[in-house]
Amino acid sequence: MGMWVTTARTVQGRGSCSCRAGKKTTHQARPGEDRANHQGLRLQALLILALLFPSAERVAFLMDRSRSPDKSTQPSTPTDNINLGPSANPNAKPTDFDFLKVIGKGSFGKVLLAKRKCDGTFYAVKVLHKKTILKKKEQNHIMAERNVLLKNVKHPFLVGLHYSFQTSEKLYFVLDYVNGGELFFHLQRERCFREPRARFYAAEVASAIGYLHSLNIIYRDLKPENILLDCQGHIVLTDFGLCKEGMEQEETTSTFCGTPEYLAPEVLKKQPYDRTVDWWCLGAVLYEMLFGLPPFYSRDVSQMYDNILHKPLQIQGTKTVAACDILQGLLHKEQKRRLGAKTDFLEIKNHVFFSPINWDDLYHKRITPPFNPNVAGPADLRHFDPEFTQEAISASITHTPDLAASNSSASDAFLGFSYAPTEEDI
């Protein structure tokens, strides 16, 4: 899972064997085997991309997003502290929280379940290391994620940012705590979903993507790992590190980024692309929910890319005509002819596949989700990977170093990061 997400997962020990979060899968035929295997192909995929697309900037960006934290990077010391700007919430500090469990990992830090001491409220707190971010020159993406999070706070299917703050060593995002599990987790367990359940999730995701598009933001990294379920079974979209702001309806961009299995053809071909890359990804996720694997998946990554570029979409089994039609539309290889190319989200919501959906009821969560995660409460971590929840929490997480010991050359890197809601936001 991406390094920004509320319940991030990383794949450890990638190589020739098939791995998911450090756990090897067997090669016995069984339901969901390829679901686990395809996650273990990420590093192989990125190495192939390095050969296909020699742009150092693009390849380095993808590699940074896929690998585990750089163990050679030691924690900063007080002499390394950097003052990264005035805080809009100067009273917030790590000691405001009891940090209970690690619930995710990424290249720049960890996500922890935390309980705020003053009122007992549970949050997911993303803690990022400034030195690592600056070393990898990713501060712009961190700030972009923060900016997108601020805009998302009032949408029902996007994770909300309550506030953010910083010390000289770390950045802290205080986010909604969502403990119903990743969509990927549930797909692994059930292999695929029946059409009504897949339609419900796809509709909520489309609503979230449509809202981002209305703010001229493209998401660019839609996949089951970035879709969480809340305690009632509604989806929550997370991970905004690859979002692109300022994208009007007809505007294009060309940054090569995303996740290999879900890359649109125009991205693979390094062509300018627009908002329709998000609708391609929606089609890929919908296909995966219905069939158990991404639409053009192959264990041979170079073959998978060739499939994305050239292979016709194959729809097997007894799916409805509406399901087949929307998949063909969303997964059209020509972006100008793709469903959503003309009127964006309006075109998606008006498709016959979504005719059973009352979009106003959906937005206001008046539709009962088809599946309930049955979590007992905030402390119920059954839908999180034990690899994370069993990890000890570092004492440095709650350490509040002196901001006065700063590095002036980096002092503007995260200027304006800290955020506290105004009365209008609450």
Foldseek 3Di string as FASTA:
>chain_A
DWQFWLQAAAWPPQDPFQTGSRDGDDPDDDFLRVLSRVNSCQVVLLVVVCVVPVPPVQSLVAVLGHDFADPVDDADDLLAFAAQADFPCVVDALVQWDFAFFRHHTHFFTWTWIAGPVPRDTWTKTKGFPVSCVVSVLLVLVVQQLVVLPVCQPFPAAKHFAWWDDFRTITITTIHDFALAFQSLVCSVVLADPLVQLLLQLLLVLVVQLVCVVQQKAQAEDDRRQWGAHQQGHIYGTDRSPIDHDHHLPDWDQRQDYGQLLAALCSSVSHTDHNLSNLSSSLQRSCCNHRRHGFQDDSPSVSSSVCNNDNDGDDDDDDDPLNVVLSCQSSPNDSCRHQCSPPRSVSVCPRPSNVVDDSVCSRVVVDRNPDGSPAPDSVRNPNGDCVGRVDDDDPVSRDRHDNVSHDVVCNNSCHPSTTHDDPVSD
